[in-house]
Amino acid sequence: MHGRLSRIVCAFFSAALLLSLLCTPAGAAQGQAGQVVSVALSQAGYTEGADEYTKYGQWYGISKGYWCDMFVSWCASEAGVSREIFPYSSSCTAHINLFKKMGRYAVSASRGGTYIPQQGDVIFFYDPTLSPDGARATHVGLVLYTENGYVYTIEGNALPNRLDCSPLLLSSLREDDQEPPDYVTVNHYPLNAVQIHGYGTPDYADRTPLVLSGFVDLGRHAGQSEIFRTLSDEGVMAGTSTHTFSPNHGMTRGDFLTAVMNLYGLSGWSAETQPFSDVPAESACYDAVMTARCAGIIQGTGDNTFQPDAYISGTAAQAILSAALSYAGLEDRTFSFSDGDLAYICGSYTIRADLAAALYALLENVPLPETFPSAITLNGKAVDWPALQVNGSCAVPLAVLQEQFPALTLVEGAEESALSPGETSSPPVPMAHSERVLLTEIVLGCEGAIDLVPSFVCQGTRYVLLRDAAAVLPLAVDWDGSTKTVALTIDPSEPQIS
């Protein structure tokens, strides 16, 4: 089988440190089951070499060959769990039989079982079309936890699984020569998934679970941890469970469209908007799909379907993002989307890590404003301007600057050709369920000086980024670190000062 570059760099090293702490056996802090899982998580992203060489196989004595079972056995050995508690094996079928002889095997829900797997259990898979009686298993992994009807696993000799099409169809179409090298990855399956054979339940001396923190499945994507955390925390793109983001997995079309609508805070549609035949009102993505269709961001197919449960392709994701940017009045941007490891089966798709990177880049244009935390002085005197902070920059109402510089006008790039002091404008898109603001560029002019200035509308008032607006004004902006004050100085020769 950017814009936040410094934060991302720090996050990379923080993630590495967190993973090393998270995945190191902690004696009394966790039981044997947790120690086995800790070891397994520390291997996330490990990739096989030529001819399926792995260190797990070398440890077992079969350096080249299918290594999923040798991986779980190696994890138990590294955690100090004996064979008497956790039998070691290189064969999934033989491994099941060892657990059965110990009286420590439970069949899956799809095979009539009622057992709910626990952290540290060994999960076995099979193909019921090839082995209807369950006599032959084909794959194995370790259980991380169960949540909301899914079992989360960590597996070696694996690729991220697909949940958008039948597992039996996937099994019949897989071709080793079309796939990249296998690696250690975290997957998840419905508890009643037909391909789950059952669970080996080692008689651990202590089942105290490993306490998980943050997303534990990032592996080779650890450097993007800040991106994933921010999107999740800010309600744009959720993880796949409490502790998984599934960066190498696909994302359904419905989930991605929901993330885009979350990003721009779009919600609502006209009575004339026609629902898609395959997106019923009870669907989790119904609101997002109806909103996007009303806005013209999506069109659907000739048979009035949207295919919300299919994994989205890079081409389709780019089309949705471009349409959303156009609707928001923003310049189009092009992103790179990698093919998923199993993209050659049942239609191409891209990966959640790349989709997240695109959404994160666009987040810069829809920041969450906060009250500006520092004082502002103008020619040495404190002013009481209703300033906001966006992306770490100070923004002030355009009308405030126009009171100081009456010659300052908005010459193009917004709804009005000019704004008088105190005049407000409406945002170009409805941001009905979001506190975000849409950051665009407007052209400001003053006494012959003209420049592009980042701007947004918040609660009916247009703001401009102060340092950028100062470029067209006789206005110097300095930061006094000792007093944490923004000091503004107006050229005393400027005749326009009021």
Protein backbone atom coordinates (compact mmCIF):
# COMPACT_ATOMS: atom_id res chain seq x y z
CA MET A 1 0.00 0.00 0.00
CA HIS A 2 3.00 34.32 3.65
CA GLY A 3 2.93 37.45 4.91
CA ARG A 4 3.33 35.78 8.23
CA LEU A 5 6.72 34.23 7.27
CA SER A 6 8.41 34.73 10.61
CA ARG A 7 5.49 33.17 12.42
CA ILE A 8 5.60 30.18 10.08
CA VAL A 9 9.35 29.69 10.57
CA CYS A 10 8.90 29.82 14.34
CA ALA A 11 5.96 27.46 14.03
CA PHE A 12 8.12 24.94 12.19
CA PHE A 13 10.59 24.71 15.04
CA SER A 14 7.81 24.85 17.62
CA ALA A 15 6.04 22.00 15.86
CA ALA A 16 9.22 19.96 15.78
CA LEU A 17 9.77 20.56 19.49
CA LEU A 18 6.14 19.79 20.30
CA LEU A 19 6.26 16.56 18.31
CA SER A 20 9.45 15.47 20.03
CA LEU A 21 7.86 16.09 23.43
CA LEU A 22 4.55 14.62 22.38
CA CYS A 23 5.99 11.44 20.95
CA THR A 24 8.54 10.58 23.62
CA PRO A 25 7.54 7.87 26.10
CA ALA A 26 6.86 9.58 29.40
CA GLY A 27 6.92 6.70 31.89
CA ALA A 28 4.21 7.18 34.48
CA ALA A 29 2.72 10.06 32.50
CA GLN A 30 1.26 7.58 30.04
CA GLY A 31 0.62 3.87 29.87
CA GLN A 32 2.11 1.30 27.56
CA ALA A 33 -0.60 1.90 24.95
CA GLY A 34 0.24 5.60 24.91
CA GLN A 35 3.94 4.86 24.63
CA VAL A 36 3.41 2.70 21.55
CA VAL A 37 1.34 5.45 19.92
CA SER A 38 3.90 8.06 20.93
CA VAL A 39 6.62 6.13 19.13
CA ALA A 40 4.41 5.69 16.05
CA LEU A 41 3.59 9.38 15.84
CA SER A 42 7.27 10.25 15.99
CA GLN A 43 7.66 8.37 12.69
CA ALA A 44 5.01 10.31 10.74
CA GLY A 45 6.31 11.06 7.27
CA TYR A 46 9.00 8.34 7.23
CA THR A 47 9.15 7.11 3.63
CA GLU A 48 10.30 3.77 2.25
CA GLY A 49 13.42 3.53 0.13
CA ALA A 50 14.16 1.59 -3.04
CA ASP A 51 12.53 -1.83 -3.24
CA GLU A 52 10.48 -0.93 -0.14
CA TYR A 53 13.51 -0.77 2.13
CA THR A 54 12.71 0.48 5.67
CA LYS A 55 14.49 0.53 9.01
CA TYR A 56 11.50 -1.36 10.41
CA GLY A 57 12.09 -4.23 8.00
CA GLN A 58 15.80 -4.18 8.70
CA TRP A 59 15.05 -4.43 12.43
CA TYR A 60 12.74 -7.39 11.83
CA GLY A 61 15.13 -9.13 9.46
CA ILE A 62 13.23 -8.50 6.20
CA SER A 63 14.73 -5.21 5.04
CA LYS A 64 12.84 -5.07 1.73
CA GLY A 65 9.18 -5.96 1.48
CA TYR A 66 5.72 -5.03 2.69
CA TRP A 67 6.35 -3.38 6.02
CA CYS A 68 3.04 -2.30 7.61
CA ASP A 69 3.10 -5.12 10.19
CA MET A 70 6.80 -4.78 10.87
CA PHE A 71 6.18 -1.08 11.54
CA VAL A 72 3.59 -1.67 14.27
CA SER A 73 5.77 -4.41 15.77
CA TRP A 74 8.79 -2.08 15.77
CA CYS A 75 6.73 0.61 17.54
CA ALA A 76 5.79 -1.86 20.29
CA SER A 77 9.40 -2.94 20.64
CA GLU A 78 10.69 0.64 20.79
CA ALA A 79 8.11 1.38 23.49
CA GLY A 80 9.41 -1.54 25.52
CA VAL A 81 6.25 -3.66 25.20
CA SER A 82 7.07 -7.37 25.22
CA ARG A 83 5.91 -9.99 22.73
CA GLU A 84 3.87 -11.61 25.47
CA ILE A 85 1.69 -8.48 25.58
CA PHE A 86 2.00 -7.32 21.98
CA PRO A 87 2.99 -10.15 19.60
CA TYR A 88 5.36 -9.11 16.81
CA SER A 89 4.81 -10.22 13.22
CA SER A 90 5.54 -9.48 9.58
CA SER A 91 2.27 -10.95 8.29
CA CYS A 92 -1.13 -9.37 8.93
CA THR A 93 -2.99 -12.68 8.73
CA ALA A 94 -0.53 -14.41 11.04
CA HIS A 95 -0.71 -11.45 13.40
CA ILE A 96 -4.50 -11.78 13.67
CA ASN A 97 -4.09 -15.45 14.53
CA LEU A 98 -1.59 -14.61 17.27
CA PHE A 99 -4.06 -12.21 18.86
CA LYS A 100 -6.85 -14.76 18.52
CA LYS A 101 -4.76 -17.40 20.32
CA MET A 102 -4.30 -14.92 23.15
CA GLY A 103 -8.05 -14.27 23.26
CA ARG A 104 -7.34 -10.63 22.40
CA TYR A 105 -9.09 -10.11 19.07
CA ALA A 106 -12.37 -8.25 18.37
CA VAL A 107 -14.12 -8.22 14.99
CA SER A 108 -15.16 -4.94 13.40
CA ALA A 109 -18.63 -3.40 13.24
CA SER A 110 -18.96 -4.33 9.57
CA ARG A 111 -18.42 -7.96 10.52
CA GLY A 112 -20.95 -7.90 13.36
CA GLY A 113 -18.76 -6.73 16.24
CA THR A 114 -19.64 -4.16 18.90
CA TYR A 115 -16.13 -3.38 20.18
CA ILE A 116 -15.09 0.29 20.17
CA PRO A 117 -11.34 0.49 19.53
CA GLN A 118 -9.03 2.20 21.99
CA GLN A 119 -5.70 3.96 21.66
CA GLY A 120 -2.92 1.43 21.15
CA ASP A 121 -5.12 -1.25 19.60
CA VAL A 122 -3.92 -2.87 16.40
CA ILE A 123 -6.36 -2.34 13.51
CA PHE A 124 -6.44 -4.89 10.68
CA PHE A 125 -7.84 -4.42 7.17
CA TYR A 126 -8.91 -6.84 4.44
CA ASP A 127 -10.65 -6.92 1.06
CA PRO A 128 -14.00 -8.71 1.49
CA THR A 129 -14.30 -9.25 -2.26
CA LEU A 130 -11.02 -11.21 -2.32
CA SER A 131 -11.50 -12.87 1.06
CA PRO A 132 -15.23 -13.00 1.87
CA ASP A 133 -14.64 -15.27 4.88
CA GLY A 134 -12.03 -12.89 6.32
CA ALA A 135 -9.33 -15.54 6.20
CA ARG A 136 -6.75 -13.15 4.76
CA ALA A 137 -5.83 -9.68 6.02
CA THR A 138 -4.01 -7.19 3.82
CA HIS A 139 -2.96 -4.22 5.98
CA VAL A 140 -2.49 -3.14 9.59
CA GLY A 141 -2.04 0.02 11.67
CA LEU A 142 -2.36 1.40 15.20
CA VAL A 143 -5.41 3.11 16.67
CA LEU A 144 -4.97 6.73 17.80
CA TYR A 145 -8.52 7.31 19.02
CA THR A 146 -12.16 7.28 17.97
CA GLU A 147 -14.25 10.39 17.47
CA ASN A 148 -17.68 11.10 15.98
CA GLY A 149 -18.06 7.65 14.49
CA TYR A 150 -14.56 7.47 13.00
CA VAL A 151 -11.44 5.60 14.01
CA TYR A 152 -8.16 7.49 13.58
CA THR A 153 -5.09 5.42 12.84
CA ILE A 154 -1.38 5.69 12.19
CA GLU A 155 -0.09 3.30 9.54
CA GLY A 156 3.15 2.43 7.83
CA ASN A 157 3.52 1.16 4.25
CA ALA A 158 0.53 3.38 3.49
CA LEU A 159 -0.82 6.37 1.62
CA PRO A 160 -3.61 8.70 2.74
CA ASN A 161 -6.91 6.91 2.26
CA ARG A 162 -9.79 8.27 0.17
CA LEU A 163 -13.25 8.66 1.67
CA ASP A 164 -14.97 10.01 -1.43
CA CYS A 165 -15.44 6.69 -3.23
CA SER A 166 -15.93 3.03 -2.43
CA PRO A 167 -12.92 1.41 -0.71
CA LEU A 168 -13.57 -1.78 -2.65
CA LEU A 169 -13.48 0.10 -5.94
CA LEU A 170 -10.27 1.81 -4.87
CA SER A 171 -8.72 -1.54 -4.00
CA SER A 172 -9.57 -2.98 -7.39
CA LEU A 173 -8.10 -0.01 -9.28
CA ARG A 174 -4.88 0.57 -7.36
CA GLU A 175 -1.65 0.08 -9.29
CA ASP A 176 1.68 0.11 -7.47
CA ASP A 177 3.52 1.42 -10.50
CA GLN A 178 1.33 4.54 -10.55
CA GLU A 179 1.79 5.41 -6.89
CA PRO A 180 4.52 7.28 -5.01
CA PRO A 181 6.58 5.52 -2.32
CA ASP A 182 4.58 4.56 0.77
CA TYR A 183 5.18 6.29 4.09
CA VAL A 184 3.94 6.56 7.67
CA THR A 185 0.70 8.51 7.74
CA VAL A 186 -2.42 9.11 9.82
CA ASN A 187 -5.72 8.00 8.29
CA HIS A 188 -9.33 7.78 9.41
CA TYR A 189 -12.25 5.52 8.58
CA PRO A 190 -15.90 5.17 9.58
CA LEU A 191 -16.12 2.65 12.40
CA ASN A 192 -18.36 0.53 10.17
CA ALA A 193 -16.03 0.72 7.15
CA VAL A 194 -16.31 -2.49 5.18
CA GLN A 195 -12.54 -2.91 4.85
CA ILE A 196 -11.88 -3.03 8.62
CA HIS A 197 -11.41 -6.68 9.66
CA GLY A 198 -11.03 -6.16 13.39
CA TYR A 199 -8.77 -5.17 16.26
CA GLY A 200 -5.96 -6.78 18.20
CA THR A 201 -6.24 -5.66 21.82
CA PRO A 202 -2.90 -6.06 23.61
CA ASP A 203 -3.18 -6.70 27.34
CA TYR A 204 -1.27 -3.56 28.23
CA ALA A 205 -0.25 -3.18 31.87
CA ASP A 206 -1.50 0.40 31.70
CA ARG A 207 -3.84 1.89 29.12
CA THR A 208 -3.47 5.48 30.26
CA PRO A 209 -3.67 7.28 26.89
CA LEU A 210 -1.12 9.57 25.39
CA VAL A 211 -2.36 13.12 25.91
CA LEU A 212 -2.48 14.77 22.50
CA SER A 213 -2.03 18.46 21.81
CA GLY A 214 -2.75 20.29 18.57
CA PHE A 215 -2.61 18.51 15.22
CA VAL A 216 -0.46 15.38 15.55
CA ASP A 217 -0.59 14.16 11.95
CA LEU A 218 1.41 16.82 10.10
CA GLY A 219 4.53 14.78 9.34
CA ARG A 220 6.27 16.36 6.38
CA HIS A 221 3.89 19.34 6.65
CA ALA A 222 5.01 20.33 10.17
CA GLY A 223 6.30 23.62 8.77
CA GLN A 224 2.72 24.60 7.91
CA SER A 225 1.39 24.07 11.43
CA GLU A 226 0.80 27.80 11.95
CA ILE A 227 -1.24 27.92 8.74
CA PHE A 228 -3.42 25.00 9.76
CA ARG A 229 -3.88 26.24 13.33
CA THR A 230 -4.81 29.76 12.21
CA LEU A 231 -7.37 28.58 9.66
CA SER A 232 -8.90 26.27 12.25
CA ASP A 233 -8.89 28.78 15.10
CA GLU A 234 -10.38 31.51 12.93
CA GLY A 235 -13.18 29.29 11.65
CA VAL A 236 -12.12 29.20 8.01
CA MET A 237 -11.00 25.59 7.45
CA ALA A 238 -11.57 23.02 10.16
CA GLY A 239 -9.37 20.05 10.89
CA THR A 240 -10.68 16.56 10.26
CA SER A 241 -10.89 15.87 14.00
CA THR A 242 -9.73 17.37 17.29
CA HIS A 243 -6.10 16.36 16.67
CA THR A 244 -5.87 15.76 12.92
CA PHE A 245 -5.71 18.11 9.95
CA SER A 246 -5.07 15.42 7.31
CA PRO A 247 -2.76 17.60 5.17
CA ASN A 248 -2.13 14.91 2.52
CA HIS A 249 -5.77 13.91 2.19
CA GLY A 250 -8.32 15.24 -0.25
CA MET A 251 -11.08 17.69 0.65
CA THR A 252 -14.64 17.45 -0.57
CA ARG A 253 -16.03 20.09 -2.88
CA GLY A 254 -18.68 20.95 -0.31
CA ASP A 255 -16.15 21.39 2.49
CA PHE A 256 -13.86 23.55 0.36
CA LEU A 257 -16.67 25.79 -0.80
CA THR A 258 -17.77 26.17 2.82
CA ALA A 259 -14.22 27.24 3.72
CA VAL A 260 -14.23 29.88 0.96
CA MET A 261 -17.59 31.24 2.13
CA ASN A 262 -16.25 31.28 5.70
CA LEU A 263 -13.19 33.18 4.52
CA TYR A 264 -15.24 35.98 3.00
CA GLY A 265 -18.14 35.81 5.46
CA LEU A 266 -20.65 35.33 2.66
CA SER A 267 -24.10 34.09 3.60
CA GLY A 268 -27.52 34.46 2.01
CA TRP A 269 -29.25 33.93 -1.30
CA SER A 270 -32.28 35.15 -3.20
CA ALA A 271 -35.57 33.26 -3.37
CA GLU A 272 -34.92 32.60 -7.07
CA THR A 273 -31.70 30.66 -6.38
CA GLN A 274 -32.19 27.09 -7.56
CA PRO A 275 -30.88 24.33 -5.27
CA PHE A 276 -28.70 21.59 -6.71
CA SER A 277 -30.38 18.22 -6.90
CA ASP A 278 -27.58 16.55 -4.92
CA VAL A 279 -27.31 19.17 -2.14
CA PRO A 280 -30.44 18.81 0.04
CA ALA A 281 -31.38 21.42 2.62
CA GLU A 282 -30.12 19.21 5.46
CA SER A 283 -26.65 19.00 3.93
CA ALA A 284 -23.86 20.55 6.01
CA CYS A 285 -22.74 22.59 2.99
CA TYR A 286 -26.21 23.69 1.83
CA ASP A 287 -25.88 27.32 2.99
CA ALA A 288 -22.44 27.71 1.43
CA VAL A 289 -23.53 26.13 -1.86
CA MET A 290 -26.68 28.23 -2.14
CA THR A 291 -24.79 31.42 -1.28
CA ALA A 292 -22.06 30.69 -3.82
CA ARG A 293 -24.59 29.83 -6.54
CA CYS A 294 -26.55 33.02 -5.92
CA ALA A 295 -23.31 35.03 -6.17
CA GLY A 296 -22.32 33.27 -9.39
CA ILE A 297 -19.22 31.78 -7.79
CA ILE A 298 -20.29 28.27 -8.82
CA GLN A 299 -22.45 27.15 -11.73
CA GLY A 300 -22.94 23.40 -11.32
CA THR A 301 -23.19 20.82 -14.09
CA GLY A 302 -25.64 20.33 -16.93
CA ASP A 303 -27.69 17.91 -14.84
CA ASN A 304 -27.98 20.43 -11.97
CA THR A 305 -25.57 18.65 -9.65
CA PHE A 306 -22.65 19.97 -7.64
CA GLN A 307 -21.08 16.69 -6.46
CA PRO A 308 -20.43 17.99 -2.92
CA ASP A 309 -18.90 14.75 -1.62
CA ALA A 310 -16.32 14.33 -4.39
CA TYR A 311 -12.77 15.44 -3.67
CA ILE A 312 -12.02 18.79 -5.25
CA SER A 313 -9.38 19.06 -7.96
CA GLY A 314 -6.80 21.79 -8.15
CA THR A 315 -8.47 23.13 -11.30
CA ALA A 316 -11.87 23.34 -9.63
CA ALA A 317 -10.40 24.92 -6.49
CA GLN A 318 -8.67 27.60 -8.57
CA ALA A 319 -11.91 28.32 -10.45
CA ILE A 320 -13.83 28.81 -7.19
CA LEU A 321 -11.14 31.03 -5.70
CA SER A 322 -10.91 33.14 -8.86
CA ALA A 323 -14.68 33.58 -8.95
CA ALA A 324 -14.77 34.52 -5.26
CA LEU A 325 -11.97 37.07 -5.74
CA SER A 326 -13.82 38.54 -8.70
CA TYR A 327 -17.03 38.81 -6.70
CA ALA A 328 -15.15 40.51 -3.88
CA GLY A 329 -13.60 42.99 -6.30
CA LEU A 330 -10.08 41.68 -5.72
CA GLU A 331 -7.32 40.93 -8.19
CA ASP A 332 -7.18 37.29 -9.29
CA ARG A 333 -4.42 35.11 -7.87
CA THR A 334 -3.07 31.81 -9.12
CA PHE A 335 -2.10 29.02 -6.74
CA SER A 336 -0.27 25.73 -7.09
CA PHE A 337 -2.14 22.56 -6.18
CA SER A 338 -0.43 19.19 -5.89
CA ASP A 339 -2.10 15.98 -6.98
CA GLY A 340 -3.12 13.62 -4.19
CA ASP A 341 -1.25 10.33 -3.90
CA LEU A 342 -4.25 8.43 -5.29
CA ALA A 343 -5.34 11.09 -7.77
CA TYR A 344 -5.12 8.66 -10.67
CA ILE A 345 -8.14 6.76 -9.31
CA CYS A 346 -11.76 7.96 -9.61
CA GLY A 347 -10.83 11.46 -10.72
CA SER A 348 -8.02 13.84 -9.91
CA TYR A 349 -7.92 15.71 -6.60
CA THR A 350 -5.58 18.00 -4.72
CA ILE A 351 -4.48 17.92 -1.08
CA ARG A 352 -5.73 19.80 1.97
CA ALA A 353 -2.26 21.26 2.68
CA ASP A 354 -2.24 23.13 -0.65
CA LEU A 355 -5.86 24.24 -0.26
CA ALA A 356 -5.03 25.54 3.20
CA ALA A 357 -2.00 27.43 1.89
CA ALA A 358 -4.18 29.20 -0.69
CA LEU A 359 -6.84 30.14 1.86
CA TYR A 360 -4.19 31.36 4.28
CA ALA A 361 -2.65 33.58 1.62
CA LEU A 362 -6.06 35.12 0.92
CA LEU A 363 -6.64 35.63 4.64
CA GLU A 364 -4.36 38.67 4.40
CA ASN A 365 -7.10 40.41 2.40
CA VAL A 366 -9.84 39.71 4.96
CA PRO A 367 -8.21 40.35 8.35
CA LEU A 368 -9.91 40.51 11.71
CA PRO A 369 -9.57 44.13 12.91
CA GLU A 370 -8.78 44.91 16.53
CA THR A 371 -8.67 48.13 18.49
CA PHE A 372 -5.28 49.75 17.91
CA PRO A 373 -3.47 49.22 21.23
CA SER A 374 -1.12 52.21 21.16
CA ALA A 375 -1.49 55.95 21.59
CA ILE A 376 -1.30 58.34 18.62
CA THR A 377 0.13 61.84 18.79
CA LEU A 378 -0.12 64.56 16.17
CA ASN A 379 2.60 67.22 16.38
CA GLY A 380 3.21 66.16 19.98
CA LYS A 381 -0.42 66.24 21.09
CA ALA A 382 -2.45 63.11 21.81
CA VAL A 383 -5.40 62.54 19.49
CA ASP A 384 -8.45 60.41 20.10
CA TRP A 385 -8.80 58.74 16.71
CA PRO A 386 -10.86 55.53 16.44
CA ALA A 387 -7.90 53.59 15.07
CA LEU A 388 -7.95 49.88 14.31
CA GLN A 389 -5.16 47.36 13.88
CA VAL A 390 -5.16 44.94 10.94
CA ASN A 391 -2.33 42.52 10.21
CA GLY A 392 -0.23 44.44 12.71
CA SER A 393 -0.72 47.83 10.99
CA CYS A 394 -2.54 50.93 12.20
CA ALA A 395 -5.62 52.00 10.23
CA VAL A 396 -7.56 55.24 10.71
CA PRO A 397 -10.81 56.54 9.20
CA LEU A 398 -10.22 58.30 5.91
CA ALA A 399 -12.51 61.08 7.11
CA VAL A 400 -10.12 61.83 10.00
CA LEU A 401 -7.26 62.40 7.58
CA GLN A 402 -9.49 64.49 5.34
CA GLU A 403 -10.26 66.76 8.29
CA GLN A 404 -6.54 67.42 8.61
CA PHE A 405 -5.93 67.54 4.86
CA PRO A 406 -9.04 68.74 2.99
CA ALA A 407 -7.24 68.32 -0.33
CA LEU A 408 -7.04 64.57 0.24
CA THR A 409 -9.39 62.73 -2.11
CA LEU A 410 -10.15 59.21 -3.18
CA VAL A 411 -9.58 59.53 -6.90
CA GLU A 412 -10.43 55.99 -8.08
CA GLY A 413 -10.57 52.35 -7.05
CA ALA A 414 -13.75 52.40 -4.94
CA GLU A 415 -17.43 53.07 -5.37
CA GLU A 416 -17.06 56.85 -5.07
CA SER A 417 -14.82 59.12 -7.07
CA ALA A 418 -14.16 61.09 -3.89
CA LEU A 419 -15.24 61.05 -0.28
CA SER A 420 -16.00 64.12 1.73
CA PRO A 421 -15.13 64.26 5.43
CA GLY A 422 -17.55 62.10 7.38
CA GLU A 423 -18.88 60.32 4.27
CA THR A 424 -19.05 56.52 4.42
CA SER A 425 -19.40 53.75 1.91
CA SER A 426 -20.74 50.17 1.90
CA PRO A 427 -18.58 47.06 1.60
CA PRO A 428 -18.50 45.56 -1.90
CA VAL A 429 -19.66 42.13 -0.62
CA PRO A 430 -22.02 41.19 2.19
CA MET A 431 -20.04 39.86 5.11
CA ALA A 432 -23.06 38.68 7.01
CA HIS A 433 -21.56 36.23 9.47
CA SER A 434 -18.01 37.43 9.73
CA GLU A 435 -16.16 40.07 11.71
CA ARG A 436 -13.57 40.24 8.94
CA VAL A 437 -13.06 43.21 6.70
CA LEU A 438 -12.22 43.16 3.03
CA LEU A 439 -8.80 44.69 2.47
CA THR A 440 -8.53 46.28 -0.98
CA GLU A 441 -6.46 49.05 -2.52
CA ILE A 442 -7.74 52.53 -3.30
CA VAL A 443 -6.01 55.47 -4.97
CA LEU A 444 -5.55 58.54 -2.80
CA GLY A 445 -4.42 61.90 -4.14
CA CYS A 446 -3.32 65.12 -2.47
CA GLU A 447 -1.81 68.17 -4.11
CA GLY A 448 -0.45 66.20 -7.07
CA ALA A 449 0.78 63.22 -5.05
CA ILE A 450 -1.03 59.94 -5.91
CA ASP A 451 -0.54 56.46 -4.51
CA LEU A 452 -2.24 53.10 -3.94
CA VAL A 453 -3.28 52.71 -0.31
CA PRO A 454 -4.67 49.60 1.41
CA SER A 455 -8.20 50.27 2.62
CA PHE A 456 -11.29 48.59 4.05
CA VAL A 457 -14.78 49.43 5.27
CA CYS A 458 -15.72 48.51 8.82
CA GLN A 459 -19.24 49.14 10.12
CA GLY A 460 -19.87 51.65 7.35
CA THR A 461 -16.67 53.66 7.81
CA ARG A 462 -13.78 53.57 5.34
CA TYR A 463 -10.35 53.09 6.89
CA VAL A 464 -6.90 53.43 5.34
CA LEU A 465 -3.59 52.08 6.58
CA LEU A 466 -1.93 55.07 8.19
CA ARG A 467 1.67 54.55 7.10
CA ASP A 468 0.62 53.97 3.47
CA ALA A 469 -1.70 56.99 3.42
CA ALA A 470 1.10 59.17 4.81
CA ALA A 471 3.01 58.59 1.56
CA VAL A 472 0.70 61.04 -0.26
CA LEU A 473 0.61 63.55 2.61
CA PRO A 474 3.13 65.87 4.22
CA LEU A 475 2.96 63.52 7.19
CA ALA A 476 5.74 61.59 8.89
CA VAL A 477 4.94 58.46 10.89
CA ASP A 478 7.31 57.26 13.60
CA TRP A 479 7.07 54.57 16.27
CA ASP A 480 8.30 55.42 19.75
CA GLY A 481 9.12 52.06 21.29
CA SER A 482 9.77 53.46 24.76
CA THR A 483 6.32 55.01 25.09
CA LYS A 484 4.58 52.67 22.64
CA THR A 485 3.25 55.67 20.78
CA VAL A 486 2.74 56.38 17.09
CA ALA A 487 4.04 59.91 16.55
CA LEU A 488 2.68 61.85 13.57
CA THR A 489 4.44 65.02 12.42
CA ILE A 490 2.96 67.40 9.87
CA ASP A 491 5.24 69.52 7.73
CA PRO A 492 4.76 73.01 9.25
CA SER A 493 5.01 74.61 5.81
CA GLU A 494 1.97 72.67 4.58
CA PRO A 495 -0.80 75.24 3.89
CA GLN A 496 -3.61 72.64 3.95
CA ILE A 497 -3.47 71.98 7.72
CA SER A 498 -6.74 72.84 9.43
